[in-house]
Protein backbone atom coordinates (compact mmCIF):
# COMPACT_ATOMS: atom_id res chain seq x y z
CA MET A 1 -0.03 -0.02 0.02
CA SER A 2 1.22 3.51 -0.78
CA SER A 3 2.72 5.33 2.15
CA VAL A 4 1.17 8.61 0.95
CA LEU A 5 -2.44 7.68 0.08
CA THR A 6 -4.69 4.97 1.43
CA PHE A 7 -6.90 2.77 -0.78
CA HIS A 8 -10.01 4.81 0.15
CA LYS A 9 -8.35 7.96 -1.15
CA ILE A 10 -6.66 6.43 -4.21
CA LEU A 11 -9.76 5.41 -6.21
CA PRO A 12 -11.72 8.66 -5.75
CA GLY A 13 -8.51 10.56 -6.49
CA CYS A 14 -7.96 8.65 -9.73
CA GLU A 15 -11.58 9.24 -10.80
CA ALA A 16 -11.01 13.00 -10.14
CA GLY A 17 -7.92 12.96 -12.38
CA ASN A 18 -5.46 13.57 -9.56
CA ILE A 19 -1.94 12.65 -10.73
CA GLU A 20 -0.67 11.78 -7.28
CA ALA A 21 -3.58 9.35 -6.81
CA TRP A 22 -2.74 7.68 -10.12
CA LYS A 23 0.96 7.48 -9.13
CA ALA A 24 -0.15 5.69 -5.93
CA PHE A 25 -2.51 3.45 -7.86
CA LEU A 26 0.27 2.45 -10.25
CA ALA A 27 2.78 1.91 -7.51
CA ASP A 28 0.42 -0.30 -5.45
CA TYR A 29 -1.27 -2.33 -8.17
CA THR A 30 1.10 -2.72 -11.04
CA PRO A 31 2.94 -5.52 -9.26
CA MET A 32 -0.33 -7.36 -8.84
CA ALA A 33 -1.27 -6.86 -12.47
CA LEU A 34 2.09 -8.04 -13.77
CA HIS A 35 2.03 -11.07 -11.41
CA CYS A 36 -1.46 -11.98 -12.59
CA LEU A 37 -0.52 -11.70 -16.23
CA GLY A 38 2.62 -13.68 -15.51
CA VAL A 39 0.62 -16.62 -14.12
CA TYR A 40 -2.34 -16.44 -16.57
CA SER A 41 -0.62 -15.58 -19.84
CA PRO A 42 2.28 -17.02 -21.84
CA TRP A 43 3.65 -13.58 -22.71
CA THR A 44 7.08 -11.96 -22.39
CA PRO A 45 7.51 -9.19 -19.81
CA GLU A 46 7.10 -6.60 -22.52
CA GLU A 47 3.78 -8.10 -23.65
CA ARG A 48 2.49 -8.08 -20.10
CA TRP A 49 3.33 -4.41 -19.86
CA ASP A 50 1.43 -3.79 -23.10
CA CYS A 51 -1.68 -5.59 -21.76
CA TRP A 52 -1.50 -3.64 -18.51
CA ARG A 53 -1.22 -0.35 -20.44
CA ALA A 54 -4.30 -1.29 -22.44
CA ALA A 55 -6.16 -2.21 -19.26
CA LEU A 56 -5.25 1.18 -17.73
CA ARG A 57 -6.55 2.98 -20.83
CA SER A 58 -9.81 1.14 -20.40
CA LEU A 59 -10.02 1.82 -16.68
CA SER A 60 -9.41 5.52 -17.16
CA ALA A 61 -11.47 6.12 -20.28
CA ASN A 62 -14.76 8.05 -20.19
CA GLU A 63 -13.92 9.71 -16.94
CA CYS A 64 -12.93 6.43 -15.32
CA GLY A 65 -16.31 4.86 -16.02
CA LYS A 66 -15.01 1.32 -15.70
CA LEU A 67 -12.98 2.09 -12.56
CA LYS A 68 -16.07 3.49 -10.93
CA GLU A 69 -17.78 0.07 -11.28
CA PHE A 70 -15.27 -1.56 -8.99
CA SER A 71 -15.73 -1.88 -5.25
CA HIS A 72 -14.62 1.13 -3.25
CA GLN A 73 -15.40 -0.29 0.14
CA SER A 74 -12.66 -2.87 0.52
CA GLU A 75 -9.30 -3.23 -1.09
CA ARG A 76 -9.56 -6.99 -1.31
CA GLU A 77 -12.94 -6.78 -3.06
CA PHE A 78 -11.32 -4.29 -5.42
CA LEU A 79 -8.35 -6.64 -6.06
CA VAL A 80 -10.58 -9.56 -6.77
CA GLU A 81 -12.52 -7.40 -9.32
CA LEU A 82 -9.22 -6.06 -10.81
CA ARG A 83 -7.90 -9.63 -11.21
CA ALA A 84 -11.05 -10.66 -13.05
CA PHE A 85 -10.81 -7.55 -15.20
CA LEU A 86 -7.25 -8.33 -16.13
CA GLN A 87 -8.18 -11.88 -17.17
CA ASP A 88 -11.02 -10.45 -19.27
CA SER A 89 -8.61 -7.95 -20.80
CA ALA A 90 -6.12 -10.66 -21.67
CA ALA A 91 -8.65 -13.17 -23.05
CA PRO A 92 -9.02 -11.62 -26.57
CA ARG A 93 -5.31 -11.65 -27.01
CA LEU A 94 -4.84 -15.26 -26.17
CA GLU A 95 -4.94 -18.14 -28.63
CA HIS A 96 -5.37 -21.86 -28.12
CA ALA A 97 -1.92 -22.31 -29.75
CA HIS A 98 -0.48 -20.80 -26.52
CA ASP A 99 -1.87 -23.73 -24.53
CA ALA A 100 0.18 -26.83 -23.82
CA ALA A 101 -0.85 -29.93 -25.75
CA GLU A 102 0.26 -32.28 -22.98
CA PRO A 103 -1.36 -32.77 -20.59
CA PRO A 104 -4.66 -31.93 -22.34
CA ALA A 105 -6.31 -28.77 -21.00
CA PRO A 106 -9.14 -29.31 -18.50
CA THR A 107 -12.73 -28.62 -19.48
CA LEU A 108 -15.66 -27.50 -17.35
CA GLN A 109 -16.72 -31.17 -17.28
CA THR A 110 -13.34 -32.61 -16.32
CA LEU A 111 -12.86 -29.91 -13.68
CA ASP A 112 -16.18 -30.83 -12.10
CA GLU A 113 -15.14 -34.50 -12.12
CA LEU A 114 -11.89 -33.67 -10.39
CA LEU A 115 -13.68 -31.60 -7.71
CA VAL A 116 -16.73 -33.70 -6.95
CA GLY A 117 -16.67 -35.25 -3.49
CA LEU A 118 -13.45 -33.57 -2.36
CA PRO A 119 -13.25 -31.61 0.95
CA LEU A 120 -13.14 -27.89 0.36
CA VAL A 121 -9.48 -27.41 1.11
CA HIS A 122 -8.64 -30.18 -1.47
CA GLN A 123 -10.89 -28.43 -4.01
CA GLU A 124 -8.94 -25.26 -3.41
CA VAL A 125 -5.64 -27.16 -4.00
CA VAL A 126 -6.94 -28.68 -7.22
CA PHE A 127 -8.26 -25.31 -8.54
CA LEU A 128 -5.19 -23.27 -7.75
CA THR A 129 -2.82 -25.98 -9.07
CA LEU A 130 -4.59 -26.09 -12.41
CA ALA A 131 -4.62 -22.27 -12.38
CA GLY A 132 -0.84 -22.44 -12.45
CA TYR A 133 0.51 -22.22 -8.92
CA SER A 134 3.39 -24.39 -7.74
CA GLN A 135 3.14 -26.40 -4.52
CA ALA A 136 5.45 -24.02 -2.72
CA THR A 137 3.29 -20.97 -3.57
CA LEU A 138 0.16 -22.94 -2.96
CA GLU A 139 1.21 -23.72 0.62
CA LYS A 140 1.66 -19.97 1.25
CA ILE A 141 -1.62 -18.98 -0.34
CA LEU A 142 -3.68 -21.58 1.50
CA ARG A 143 -1.54 -21.54 4.64
CA ILE A 144 -1.37 -25.33 4.72
CA THR A 145 1.38 -27.88 5.31
CA PRO A 146 3.00 -29.83 2.37
CA ALA A 147 1.16 -32.92 3.69
CA VAL A 148 -2.29 -31.35 3.38
CA ALA A 149 -1.44 -29.98 -0.12
CA GLY A 150 -0.12 -33.44 -1.11
CA ASP A 151 -3.43 -35.05 -0.12
CA GLY A 152 -5.33 -32.57 -2.25
CA LEU A 153 -3.11 -33.32 -5.27
CA THR A 154 -3.62 -37.09 -5.21
CA ARG A 155 -6.57 -36.96 -7.63
CA LEU A 156 -4.54 -34.77 -10.02
CA ARG A 157 -1.50 -36.95 -10.32
CA ALA A 158 -2.96 -39.51 -12.76
CA GLY A 159 -3.73 -37.06 -15.52
CA TYR A 160 -1.82 -33.95 -14.52
CA ALA A 161 1.49 -35.14 -13.05
CA ARG A 162 3.38 -32.43 -15.05
CA VAL A 163 1.22 -29.74 -13.41
CA VAL A 164 1.73 -31.11 -9.88
CA GLU A 165 5.49 -31.33 -10.31
CA ARG A 166 5.96 -27.84 -11.79
CA ASN A 167 8.20 -25.46 -9.84
CA GLU A 168 7.19 -22.15 -11.49
CA ASP A 169 3.91 -20.21 -11.15
CA ARG A 170 2.58 -20.36 -14.70
CA CYS A 171 -0.65 -21.77 -16.13
CA LEU A 172 -0.10 -24.36 -18.85
CA TRP A 173 -3.37 -23.50 -20.67
CA PRO A 174 -3.90 -19.79 -20.33
CA SER A 175 -6.63 -19.34 -22.95
CA VAL A 176 -8.63 -22.40 -21.71
CA TRP A 177 -8.19 -21.58 -18.03
CA ILE A 178 -9.26 -17.93 -18.33
CA GLY A 179 -12.29 -19.18 -20.26
CA ILE A 180 -13.10 -21.53 -17.34
CA CYS A 181 -12.75 -18.69 -14.85
CA GLN A 182 -15.04 -16.50 -16.98
CA ALA A 183 -17.66 -19.24 -17.17
CA ALA A 184 -17.47 -19.67 -13.40
CA ARG A 185 -17.96 -15.95 -12.82
CA ALA A 186 -20.88 -15.93 -15.18
CA GLY A 187 -22.51 -18.79 -13.33
CA GLN A 188 -23.59 -16.72 -10.32
CA THR A 189 -26.94 -17.49 -8.82
CA LYS A 190 -29.10 -15.93 -6.05
CA ASP A 191 -27.74 -18.50 -3.68
CA CYS A 192 -24.06 -17.57 -4.19
CA THR A 193 -22.24 -15.97 -1.26
CA PRO A 194 -21.47 -12.26 -1.75
CA LEU A 195 -17.84 -11.46 -1.94
CA ARG A 196 -18.00 -9.26 1.14
CA GLN A 197 -19.31 -12.20 3.12
CA LEU A 198 -16.47 -14.42 1.85
CA ILE A 199 -14.08 -11.83 3.25
CA ARG A 200 -15.75 -12.00 6.62
CA ILE A 201 -15.52 -15.77 6.58
CA LEU A 202 -11.83 -15.62 5.63
CA ASP A 203 -11.18 -13.16 8.44
CA GLY A 204 -12.96 -15.31 10.96
CA GLN A 205 -15.64 -12.74 11.51
CA ALA A 206 -18.62 -14.90 10.44
CA SER A 207 -20.58 -17.02 12.84
CA TRP A 208 -20.85 -20.77 12.54
CA TYR A 209 -24.42 -20.32 11.38
CA GLU A 210 -23.19 -17.97 8.55
CA LYS A 211 -20.06 -19.97 7.65
CA THR A 212 -21.43 -23.47 7.49
CA PRO A 213 -24.07 -22.94 4.76
CA ALA A 214 -21.58 -20.83 2.76
CA ASP A 215 -18.99 -23.56 2.93
CA GLU A 216 -21.54 -26.20 1.97
CA HIS A 217 -22.68 -24.19 -1.01
CA ARG A 218 -19.09 -23.44 -2.15
CA ALA A 219 -18.26 -27.12 -2.15
CA LYS A 220 -20.86 -27.49 -4.95
CA CYS A 221 -20.54 -24.13 -6.73
CA ARG A 222 -17.88 -23.39 -9.28
CA HIS A 223 -18.65 -19.65 -9.15
CA CYS A 224 -18.08 -19.37 -5.43
CA LEU A 225 -14.95 -21.55 -5.57
CA GLU A 226 -13.46 -19.26 -8.20
CA ARG A 227 -14.30 -16.16 -6.14
CA TRP A 228 -12.94 -17.83 -2.98
CA THR A 229 -9.64 -18.85 -4.53
CA SER A 230 -9.27 -15.45 -6.14
CA LEU A 231 -9.75 -13.87 -2.71
CA LEU A 232 -7.12 -16.19 -1.20
CA GLU A 233 -4.79 -15.25 -4.00
CA VAL A 234 -5.09 -11.51 -3.51
CA SER A 235 -5.12 -11.77 0.27
CA MET A 236 -1.79 -13.54 0.39
CA ARG A 237 -0.27 -11.16 -2.19
CA PRO A 238 2.18 -13.50 -3.94
CA TRP A 239 3.43 -10.49 -5.97
CA THR A 240 5.00 -8.63 -2.97
CA ARG A 241 8.52 -9.24 -4.25
CA LEU A 242 7.76 -7.11 -7.38
CA ARG A 243 8.34 -3.40 -7.37
CA THR A 244 7.32 -0.54 -9.67
CA THR A 245 10.07 2.02 -10.35
CA SER A 246 9.33 5.78 -10.69
CA ASP A 247 10.42 5.57 -14.37
CA ASN A 248 7.81 2.84 -15.04
CA ILE A 249 5.08 4.82 -13.28
CA GLU A 250 5.90 7.90 -15.41
CA GLY A 251 5.80 5.73 -18.52
CA LEU A 252 2.36 4.36 -17.60
CA LEU A 253 0.94 7.83 -16.82
CA VAL A 254 1.32 8.84 -20.46
CA ASP A 255 -1.95 7.24 -21.49
CA ILE A 256 -3.91 8.27 -18.39
CA PRO A 257 -5.94 11.51 -18.51
CA VAL A 258 -5.22 13.76 -15.47
CA LYS A 259 -6.38 17.19 -14.64
CA THR A 260 -4.37 20.13 -15.98
CA GLY A 261 -2.17 21.96 -13.58
CA GLN A 262 -1.28 18.85 -11.59
CA GLY A 263 2.45 18.46 -11.94
CA ASN A 264 4.20 17.71 -15.18
CA ARG A 265 1.84 16.44 -17.80
CA SER A 266 2.85 14.14 -20.61
CA LEU A 267 3.28 15.46 -24.18
CA VAL A 268 0.22 13.52 -25.27
CA ASN A 269 -1.91 15.04 -22.51
CA ARG A 270 -0.70 18.58 -23.32
CA LEU A 271 -1.45 18.11 -27.00
CA PHE A 272 -5.00 17.01 -26.30
CA GLY A 273 -5.57 19.58 -23.59
CA ARG A 274 -5.89 17.01 -20.75
């Protein structure tokens, strides 16, 4: 988090065109964006930067219309929504040719078959492993021991040994997996647990009467499992080792409209009177 501006000041500041708010936004969330694109895309670092720039142009266009749709109440809600937005932004740029041929990519049906009957923590292990996370990172995200993670991977080993044994955090089938995540998000029903309630459960603030039915529902709901694992991912912040330099921030600001008279504006902004 920026030492100058808090989350609750950053988003309104960005929407007002404040350059300092945008600098804080870029410093805080560029590492998350690049990490996400690193896991869920096959691209080079330069291509990830290009996708992030395009996402920023979309977020800041039309007086930040898209950014205003995101949650402003909780940073973790915002990060889950930003992660989904990045996947949606990457999807049109991905091709099936980017996906590994072996082992074959999972489908919605094979995913359901892998998950059915498993305890919740083992479902989380399966989902995050197929998403691209190594066992070492998985243990940090889920806060579990290697033995527990190993039990959850047993069902995967027959068809996805290569995935289980991987040491890097990188999805083998980016185009297919993002499609699965999009389908899961689109499958929300009136019975699904709101994201804010999932945060309360994760933080131990929900009562047994609230948590139990939510857990039982999530064990059978692909939508809620996707949201929950996304929440775990952003809560544990596996991108914390990444940093955004001031030069990179200045480079990203070029395409973002800010109010005139706020510091040094880019040549593009000056030309268009922004």
